[in-house]
């Protein structure tokens, strides 16, 4: 417990120093003195990183403090990495998701819909799209994020997703899907975008018994698995 307090105290010290120096936005042409002081700040941030607790919610708390420190000195990408590492410890951390949303929108000027599945951003070669108010993403990215098995039949243009005792079948362009053989009407069908099969995110996730939340302020979809009680996979 003492180690965690020391780490958090160090983070607060970094934040106070960075704020007092006006590093919320990096200067366009900083002077030598400012450069030297920024180096000192970054050194203290590095010290914080080296002294993180090994795992669990204490580590998550310290990582969020680290992300705040990076944000104060204008290191948005490093702040994102720290928050995403915090989510690896606790995929249901609402505070971390909101912090990521602000970083992507305000500092990185990210324009696309953000998607997190179990605390991680799925790798997608085609960004999510909105169709009739529904978010669609590449089916493999979502299914793999939820650790489901996926297959594509090019002859019937059918997507099959299997996780545990749940099997979901969708056909490209059809508004009827099947969950364990039972028909379910979709608000929008699976579709092709840039030669990638896009599926309704909320439908697939909920069919696989995951929770789906929409952060309207940050245009972020958050998918969590009720089975994750402590951030473990």
C-alpha atoms as a PDB file:
ATOM      1  CA  UNK A   1       0.000   0.000   0.000  1.00  0.00           C
ATOM      2  CA  UNK A   2       2.906   2.326   0.823  1.00  0.00           C
ATOM      3  CA  UNK A   3       4.340   1.763  -2.662  1.00  0.00           C
ATOM      4  CA  UNK A   4       1.063   2.747  -4.322  1.00  0.00           C
ATOM      5  CA  UNK A   5       0.873   5.942  -2.233  1.00  0.00           C
ATOM      6  CA  UNK A   6       4.417   6.843  -3.268  1.00  0.00           C
ATOM      7  CA  UNK A   7       3.573   6.311  -6.952  1.00  0.00           C
ATOM      8  CA  UNK A   8       0.421   8.431  -6.752  1.00  0.00           C
ATOM      9  CA  UNK A   9       2.308  11.139  -4.847  1.00  0.00           C
ATOM     10  CA  UNK A  10       4.945  11.170  -7.578  1.00  0.00           C
ATOM     11  CA  UNK A  11       2.246  11.496 -10.239  1.00  0.00           C
ATOM     12  CA  UNK A  12       0.694  14.446  -8.413  1.00  0.00           C
ATOM     13  CA  UNK A  13       4.090  16.096  -8.191  1.00  0.00           C
ATOM     14  CA  UNK A  14       4.590  15.677 -11.936  1.00  0.00           C
ATOM     15  CA  UNK A  15       1.144  17.106 -12.630  1.00  0.00           C
ATOM     16  CA  UNK A  16       1.738  20.146 -10.428  1.00  0.00           C
ATOM     17  CA  UNK A  17       5.114  20.842 -12.014  1.00  0.00           C
ATOM     18  CA  UNK A  18       3.823  20.367 -15.562  1.00  0.00           C
ATOM     19  CA  UNK A  19       0.806  22.591 -14.915  1.00  0.00           C
ATOM     20  CA  UNK A  20       2.874  25.335 -13.281  1.00  0.00           C
ATOM     21  CA  UNK A  21       5.143  25.415 -16.333  1.00  0.00           C
ATOM     22  CA  UNK A  22       2.211  25.697 -18.740  1.00  0.00           C
ATOM     23  CA  UNK A  23       2.897  22.454 -20.577  1.00  0.00           C
ATOM     24  CA  UNK A  24      -0.756  21.591 -21.187  1.00  0.00           C
ATOM     25  CA  UNK A  25       0.075  22.512 -24.787  1.00  0.00           C
ATOM     26  CA  UNK A  26       3.714  22.239 -25.916  1.00  0.00           C
ATOM     27  CA  UNK A  27       5.345  25.552 -26.789  1.00  0.00           C
ATOM     28  CA  UNK A  28       6.096  26.088 -30.479  1.00  0.00           C
ATOM     29  CA  UNK A  29       9.665  27.287 -29.829  1.00  0.00           C
ATOM     30  CA  UNK A  30      10.619  26.607 -26.203  1.00  0.00           C
ATOM     31  CA  UNK A  31      13.734  28.189 -24.766  1.00  0.00           C
ATOM     32  CA  UNK A  32      16.656  26.237 -23.407  1.00  0.00           C
ATOM     33  CA  UNK A  33      15.529  26.626 -19.810  1.00  0.00           C
ATOM     34  CA  UNK A  34      12.061  25.313 -20.599  1.00  0.00           C
ATOM     35  CA  UNK A  35      13.580  22.368 -22.483  1.00  0.00           C
ATOM     36  CA  UNK A  36      15.696  21.469 -19.485  1.00  0.00           C
ATOM     37  CA  UNK A  37      12.726  21.664 -17.132  1.00  0.00           C
ATOM     38  CA  UNK A  38      10.572  19.574 -19.442  1.00  0.00           C
ATOM     39  CA  UNK A  39      13.341  16.969 -19.434  1.00  0.00           C
ATOM     40  CA  UNK A  40      13.113  16.949 -15.652  1.00  0.00           C
ATOM     41  CA  UNK A  41       9.350  16.442 -15.841  1.00  0.00           C
ATOM     42  CA  UNK A  42       9.746  13.590 -18.306  1.00  0.00           C
ATOM     43  CA  UNK A  43      12.363  12.041 -16.061  1.00  0.00           C
ATOM     44  CA  UNK A  44       9.907  12.018 -13.184  1.00  0.00           C
ATOM     45  CA  UNK A  45       7.235  10.518 -15.433  1.00  0.00           C
ATOM     46  CA  UNK A  46       9.712   7.775 -16.384  1.00  0.00           C
ATOM     47  CA  UNK A  47      10.339   7.194 -12.687  1.00  0.00           C
ATOM     48  CA  UNK A  48       6.594   6.844 -12.157  1.00  0.00           C
ATOM     49  CA  UNK A  49       6.366   4.296 -14.976  1.00  0.00           C
ATOM     50  CA  UNK A  50       9.195   2.241 -13.503  1.00  0.00           C
ATOM     51  CA  UNK A  51       7.486   2.080 -10.094  1.00  0.00           C
ATOM     52  CA  UNK A  52       4.031   0.944 -11.171  1.00  0.00           C
ATOM     53  CA  UNK A  53       2.388  -1.743  -9.027  1.00  0.00           C
ATOM     54  CA  UNK A  54       2.640  -5.177 -10.686  1.00  0.00           C
ATOM     55  CA  UNK A  55      -1.055  -5.779 -11.443  1.00  0.00           C
ATOM     56  CA  UNK A  56      -4.688  -5.214 -10.524  1.00  0.00           C
ATOM     57  CA  UNK A  57      -6.654  -2.087  -9.680  1.00  0.00           C
ATOM     58  CA  UNK A  58      -3.724  -0.438  -7.885  1.00  0.00           C
ATOM     59  CA  UNK A  59      -1.784  -0.613 -11.142  1.00  0.00           C
ATOM     60  CA  UNK A  60      -4.815   0.721 -13.022  1.00  0.00           C
ATOM     61  CA  UNK A  61      -5.052   3.693 -10.646  1.00  0.00           C
ATOM     62  CA  UNK A  62      -1.367   4.486 -11.048  1.00  0.00           C
ATOM     63  CA  UNK A  63      -1.577   4.174 -14.853  1.00  0.00           C
ATOM     64  CA  UNK A  64      -4.411   6.717 -14.921  1.00  0.00           C
ATOM     65  CA  UNK A  65      -2.253   9.095 -12.893  1.00  0.00           C
ATOM     66  CA  UNK A  66       0.551   8.472 -15.385  1.00  0.00           C
ATOM     67  CA  UNK A  67      -1.820   9.238 -18.276  1.00  0.00           C
ATOM     68  CA  UNK A  68      -2.757  12.550 -16.632  1.00  0.00           C
ATOM     69  CA  UNK A  69       0.920  13.409 -16.346  1.00  0.00           C
ATOM     70  CA  UNK A  70       1.540  12.650 -20.023  1.00  0.00           C
ATOM     71  CA  UNK A  71      -1.505  14.703 -21.000  1.00  0.00           C
ATOM     72  CA  UNK A  72      -0.233  17.702 -19.041  1.00  0.00           C
ATOM     73  CA  UNK A  73       3.038  17.734 -20.982  1.00  0.00           C
ATOM     74  CA  UNK A  74       1.296  17.314 -24.344  1.00  0.00           C
ATOM     75  CA  UNK A  75       2.154  13.638 -24.854  1.00  0.00           C
ATOM     76  CA  UNK A  76      -1.291  12.508 -25.994  1.00  0.00           C
ATOM     77  CA  UNK A  77      -0.241   9.215 -27.610  1.00  0.00           C
ATOM     78  CA  UNK A  78       1.668   8.188 -24.477  1.00  0.00           C
ATOM     79  CA  UNK A  79      -1.392   9.121 -22.395  1.00  0.00           C
ATOM     80  CA  UNK A  80      -3.584   6.922 -24.615  1.00  0.00           C
ATOM     81  CA  UNK A  81      -1.159   4.007 -24.203  1.00  0.00           C
ATOM     82  CA  UNK A  82      -1.224   4.385 -20.408  1.00  0.00           C
ATOM     83  CA  UNK A  83      -5.036   4.467 -20.277  1.00  0.00           C
ATOM     84  CA  UNK A  84      -5.329   1.464 -22.585  1.00  0.00           C
ATOM     85  CA  UNK A  85      -2.914  -0.388 -20.311  1.00  0.00           C
ATOM     86  CA  UNK A  86      -5.145   0.571 -17.380  1.00  0.00           C
ATOM     87  CA  UNK A  87      -8.131  -0.916 -19.229  1.00  0.00           C
ATOM     88  CA  UNK A  88      -6.212  -4.159 -19.666  1.00  0.00           C
ATOM     89  CA  UNK A  89      -6.272  -4.347 -15.869  1.00  0.00           C
ATOM     90  CA  UNK A  90      -9.922  -3.271 -15.535  1.00  0.00           C
ATOM     91  CA  UNK A  91     -11.960  -3.409 -18.792  1.00  0.00           C
ATOM     92  CA  UNK A  92     -14.985  -1.849 -17.075  1.00  0.00           C
ATOM     93  CA  UNK A  93     -13.249   1.355 -15.930  1.00  0.00           C
ATOM     94  CA  UNK A  94     -15.651   4.099 -17.092  1.00  0.00           C
ATOM     95  CA  UNK A  95     -13.239   6.863 -16.044  1.00  0.00           C
ATOM     96  CA  UNK A  96     -10.503   5.441 -18.286  1.00  0.00           C
ATOM     97  CA  UNK A  97     -12.855   5.237 -21.278  1.00  0.00           C
ATOM     98  CA  UNK A  98     -13.941   8.843 -20.849  1.00  0.00           C
ATOM     99  CA  UNK A  99     -10.318   9.951 -20.559  1.00  0.00           C
ATOM    100  CA  UNK A 100      -9.512   8.136 -23.798  1.00  0.00           C
ATOM    101  CA  UNK A 101     -12.464   9.755 -25.530  1.00  0.00           C
ATOM    102  CA  UNK A 102     -11.274  13.229 -24.564  1.00  0.00           C
ATOM    103  CA  UNK A 103      -7.724  12.502 -25.682  1.00  0.00           C
ATOM    104  CA  UNK A 104      -8.812  11.186 -29.073  1.00  0.00           C
ATOM    105  CA  UNK A 105     -11.259  14.026 -29.746  1.00  0.00           C
ATOM    106  CA  UNK A 106      -9.524  17.039 -28.199  1.00  0.00           C
ATOM    107  CA  UNK A 107      -5.818  16.340 -28.688  1.00  0.00           C
ATOM    108  CA  UNK A 108      -5.486  13.728 -31.427  1.00  0.00           C
ATOM    109  CA  UNK A 109      -8.447  15.135 -33.424  1.00  0.00           C
ATOM    110  CA  UNK A 110      -9.742  11.633 -34.124  1.00  0.00           C
ATOM    111  CA  UNK A 111     -12.862  11.815 -36.297  1.00  0.00           C
ATOM    112  CA  UNK A 112     -13.929   8.177 -36.571  1.00  0.00           C
ATOM    113  CA  UNK A 113     -16.174   6.243 -34.204  1.00  0.00           C
ATOM    114  CA  UNK A 114     -14.155   4.711 -31.378  1.00  0.00           C
ATOM    115  CA  UNK A 115     -14.743   1.062 -30.487  1.00  0.00           C
ATOM    116  CA  UNK A 116     -13.388  -0.761 -27.448  1.00  0.00           C
ATOM    117  CA  UNK A 117     -14.051  -4.459 -26.905  1.00  0.00           C
ATOM    118  CA  UNK A 118     -13.095  -5.824 -23.472  1.00  0.00           C
ATOM    119  CA  UNK A 119     -10.824  -2.848 -22.915  1.00  0.00           C
ATOM    120  CA  UNK A 120      -9.005  -3.092 -26.235  1.00  0.00           C
ATOM    121  CA  UNK A 121      -9.349  -1.379 -29.598  1.00  0.00           C
ATOM    122  CA  UNK A 122      -9.921  -4.057 -32.257  1.00  0.00           C
ATOM    123  CA  UNK A 123      -7.613  -3.865 -35.241  1.00  0.00           C
ATOM    124  CA  UNK A 124      -9.758  -2.790 -38.196  1.00  0.00           C
ATOM    125  CA  UNK A 125      -8.607  -2.072 -41.738  1.00  0.00           C
ATOM    126  CA  UNK A 126     -12.021  -0.485 -42.407  1.00  0.00           C
ATOM    127  CA  UNK A 127     -13.371   1.997 -39.838  1.00  0.00           C
ATOM    128  CA  UNK A 128     -16.819   1.603 -38.267  1.00  0.00           C
ATOM    129  CA  UNK A 129     -19.773   3.085 -40.165  1.00  0.00           C
ATOM    130  CA  UNK A 130     -23.252   4.256 -39.190  1.00  0.00           C
ATOM    131  CA  UNK A 131     -26.233   2.856 -41.091  1.00  0.00           C
ATOM    132  CA  UNK A 132     -29.731   3.940 -40.072  1.00  0.00           C
ATOM    133  CA  UNK A 133     -28.509   4.802 -36.603  1.00  0.00           C
ATOM    134  CA  UNK A 134     -26.667   1.505 -36.094  1.00  0.00           C
ATOM    135  CA  UNK A 135     -22.907   1.032 -35.813  1.00  0.00           C
ATOM    136  CA  UNK A 136     -21.395  -1.605 -38.104  1.00  0.00           C
ATOM    137  CA  UNK A 137     -17.833  -2.896 -37.834  1.00  0.00           C
ATOM    138  CA  UNK A 138     -15.821  -5.643 -39.578  1.00  0.00           C
ATOM    139  CA  UNK A 139     -17.204  -8.929 -38.257  1.00  0.00           C
ATOM    140  CA  UNK A 140     -13.831 -10.527 -37.588  1.00  0.00           C
ATOM    141  CA  UNK A 141     -12.640  -7.609 -35.457  1.00  0.00           C
ATOM    142  CA  UNK A 142     -15.668  -7.790 -33.178  1.00  0.00           C
ATOM    143  CA  UNK A 143     -15.812 -11.582 -32.925  1.00  0.00           C
ATOM    144  CA  UNK A 144     -12.095 -11.921 -32.264  1.00  0.00           C
ATOM    145  CA  UNK A 145     -12.291  -9.174 -29.635  1.00  0.00           C
ATOM    146  CA  UNK A 146     -14.927 -11.272 -27.842  1.00  0.00           C
ATOM    147  CA  UNK A 147     -12.847 -14.420 -28.418  1.00  0.00           C
ATOM    148  CA  UNK A 148     -15.464 -16.049 -30.617  1.00  0.00           C
ATOM    149  CA  UNK A 149     -14.871 -18.311 -33.619  1.00  0.00           C
ATOM    150  CA  UNK A 150     -15.780 -16.793 -36.977  1.00  0.00           C
ATOM    151  CA  UNK A 151     -16.263 -18.115 -40.504  1.00  0.00           C
ATOM    152  CA  UNK A 152     -17.320 -16.730 -43.870  1.00  0.00           C
ATOM    153  CA  UNK A 153     -19.008 -18.718 -46.631  1.00  0.00           C
ATOM    154  CA  UNK A 154     -18.404 -16.826 -49.904  1.00  0.00           C
ATOM    155  CA  UNK A 155     -20.941 -18.923 -51.838  1.00  0.00           C
ATOM    156  CA  UNK A 156     -23.905 -18.182 -49.562  1.00  0.00           C
ATOM    157  CA  UNK A 157     -22.429 -14.866 -48.335  1.00  0.00           C
ATOM    158  CA  UNK A 158     -23.049 -16.006 -44.787  1.00  0.00           C
ATOM    159  CA  UNK A 159     -21.203 -15.009 -41.597  1.00  0.00           C
ATOM    160  CA  UNK A 160     -21.192 -17.497 -38.713  1.00  0.00           C
ATOM    161  CA  UNK A 161     -20.019 -16.532 -35.231  1.00  0.00           C
ATOM    162  CA  UNK A 162     -19.735 -19.131 -32.467  1.00  0.00           C
ATOM    163  CA  UNK A 163     -18.964 -18.568 -28.788  1.00  0.00           C
ATOM    164  CA  UNK A 164     -19.677 -21.245 -26.219  1.00  0.00           C
ATOM    165  CA  UNK A 165     -23.248 -22.432 -26.694  1.00  0.00           C
ATOM    166  CA  UNK A 166     -24.250 -19.482 -28.902  1.00  0.00           C
ATOM    167  CA  UNK A 167     -24.202 -19.575 -32.709  1.00  0.00           C
ATOM    168  CA  UNK A 168     -25.071 -16.456 -34.710  1.00  0.00           C
ATOM    169  CA  UNK A 169     -25.646 -16.597 -38.477  1.00  0.00           C
ATOM    170  CA  UNK A 170     -26.067 -13.538 -40.716  1.00  0.00           C
ATOM    171  CA  UNK A 171     -26.395 -13.347 -44.473  1.00  0.00           C
ATOM    172  CA  UNK A 172     -25.125 -10.357 -46.382  1.00  0.00           C
ATOM    173  CA  UNK A 173     -27.983  -8.001 -47.258  1.00  0.00           C
ATOM    174  CA  UNK A 174     -30.596  -9.943 -45.246  1.00  0.00           C
ATOM    175  CA  UNK A 175     -32.489  -8.346 -42.342  1.00  0.00           C
ATOM    176  CA  UNK A 176     -33.123 -11.700 -40.645  1.00  0.00           C
ATOM    177  CA  UNK A 177     -30.347 -13.287 -38.588  1.00  0.00           C
ATOM    178  CA  UNK A 178     -30.386 -16.531 -36.609  1.00  0.00           C
ATOM    179  CA  UNK A 179     -29.298 -17.073 -33.011  1.00  0.00           C
ATOM    180  CA  UNK A 180     -29.122 -20.784 -32.186  1.00  0.00           C
ATOM    181  CA  UNK A 181     -31.480 -21.376 -35.090  1.00  0.00           C
ATOM    182  CA  UNK A 182     -34.082 -18.845 -33.978  1.00  0.00           C
ATOM    183  CA  UNK A 183     -34.840 -15.961 -36.390  1.00  0.00           C
ATOM    184  CA  UNK A 184     -34.126 -12.411 -35.192  1.00  0.00           C
ATOM    185  CA  UNK A 185     -35.050  -9.300 -37.177  1.00  0.00           C
ATOM    186  CA  UNK A 186     -32.244  -6.780 -37.636  1.00  0.00           C
ATOM    187  CA  UNK A 187     -32.620  -3.026 -37.861  1.00  0.00           C
ATOM    188  CA  UNK A 188     -29.931  -3.026 -40.539  1.00  0.00           C
ATOM    189  CA  UNK A 189     -28.393  -5.964 -42.452  1.00  0.00           C
ATOM    190  CA  UNK A 190     -24.766  -6.983 -42.727  1.00  0.00           C
ATOM    191  CA  UNK A 191     -23.207  -5.162 -45.679  1.00  0.00           C
ATOM    192  CA  UNK A 192     -20.014  -4.787 -47.686  1.00  0.00           C
ATOM    193  CA  UNK A 193     -17.827  -1.692 -47.234  1.00  0.00           C
ATOM    194  CA  UNK A 194     -14.542  -1.524 -49.149  1.00  0.00           C
ATOM    195  CA  UNK A 195     -14.748  -5.292 -49.691  1.00  0.00           C
ATOM    196  CA  UNK A 196     -15.124  -5.971 -45.948  1.00  0.00           C
ATOM    197  CA  UNK A 197     -18.180  -7.556 -44.361  1.00  0.00           C
ATOM    198  CA  UNK A 198     -19.630  -5.176 -41.786  1.00  0.00           C
ATOM    199  CA  UNK A 199     -22.063  -6.418 -39.122  1.00  0.00           C
ATOM    200  CA  UNK A 200     -24.311  -4.640 -36.589  1.00  0.00           C
ATOM    201  CA  UNK A 201     -22.094  -4.314 -33.540  1.00  0.00           C
ATOM    202  CA  UNK A 202     -24.797  -4.160 -30.872  1.00  0.00           C
ATOM    203  CA  UNK A 203     -26.702  -7.167 -32.211  1.00  0.00           C
ATOM    204  CA  UNK A 204     -23.642  -9.431 -32.435  1.00  0.00           C
ATOM    205  CA  UNK A 205     -22.241  -8.373 -29.059  1.00  0.00           C
ATOM    206  CA  UNK A 206     -25.522  -8.804 -27.213  1.00  0.00           C
ATOM    207  CA  UNK A 207     -26.222 -12.122 -28.940  1.00  0.00           C
ATOM    208  CA  UNK A 208     -22.865 -13.276 -27.517  1.00  0.00           C
ATOM    209  CA  UNK A 209     -24.031 -12.063 -24.071  1.00  0.00           C
ATOM    210  CA  UNK A 210     -21.793  -9.021 -23.921  1.00  0.00           C
ATOM    211  CA  UNK A 211     -22.837  -5.580 -22.699  1.00  0.00           C
ATOM    212  CA  UNK A 212     -22.824  -2.608 -25.091  1.00  0.00           C
ATOM    213  CA  UNK A 213     -22.700   1.052 -24.048  1.00  0.00           C
ATOM    214  CA  UNK A 214     -22.686   4.153 -26.245  1.00  0.00           C
ATOM    215  CA  UNK A 215     -20.769   7.245 -25.096  1.00  0.00           C
ATOM    216  CA  UNK A 216     -22.477   9.923 -27.190  1.00  0.00           C
ATOM    217  CA  UNK A 217     -20.146  12.722 -26.074  1.00  0.00           C
ATOM    218  CA  UNK A 218     -17.063  10.922 -27.375  1.00  0.00           C
ATOM    219  CA  UNK A 219     -18.789   8.827 -30.085  1.00  0.00           C
ATOM    220  CA  UNK A 220     -17.442   5.670 -28.476  1.00  0.00           C
ATOM    221  CA  UNK A 221     -18.888   2.155 -28.367  1.00  0.00           C
ATOM    222  CA  UNK A 222     -17.828   0.181 -25.290  1.00  0.00           C
ATOM    223  CA  UNK A 223     -18.307  -3.595 -25.291  1.00  0.00           C
ATOM    224  CA  UNK A 224     -17.692  -5.453 -22.035  1.00  0.00           C
ATOM    225  CA  UNK A 225     -18.054  -9.084 -21.040  1.00  0.00           C
ATOM    226  CA  UNK A 226     -20.014  -9.801 -17.842  1.00  0.00           C
ATOM    227  CA  UNK A 227     -17.691 -12.776 -17.312  1.00  0.00           C
ATOM    228  CA  UNK A 228     -14.788 -10.377 -16.677  1.00  0.00           C
ATOM    229  CA  UNK A 229     -15.060  -9.706 -12.970  1.00  0.00           C
ATOM    230  CA  UNK A 230     -11.491  -8.609 -12.354  1.00  0.00           C
ATOM    231  CA  UNK A 231     -10.216  -7.598 -15.798  1.00  0.00           C
ATOM    232  CA  UNK A 232      -8.982 -11.051 -16.699  1.00  0.00           C
ATOM    233  CA  UNK A 233      -9.572 -12.599 -20.128  1.00  0.00           C
END
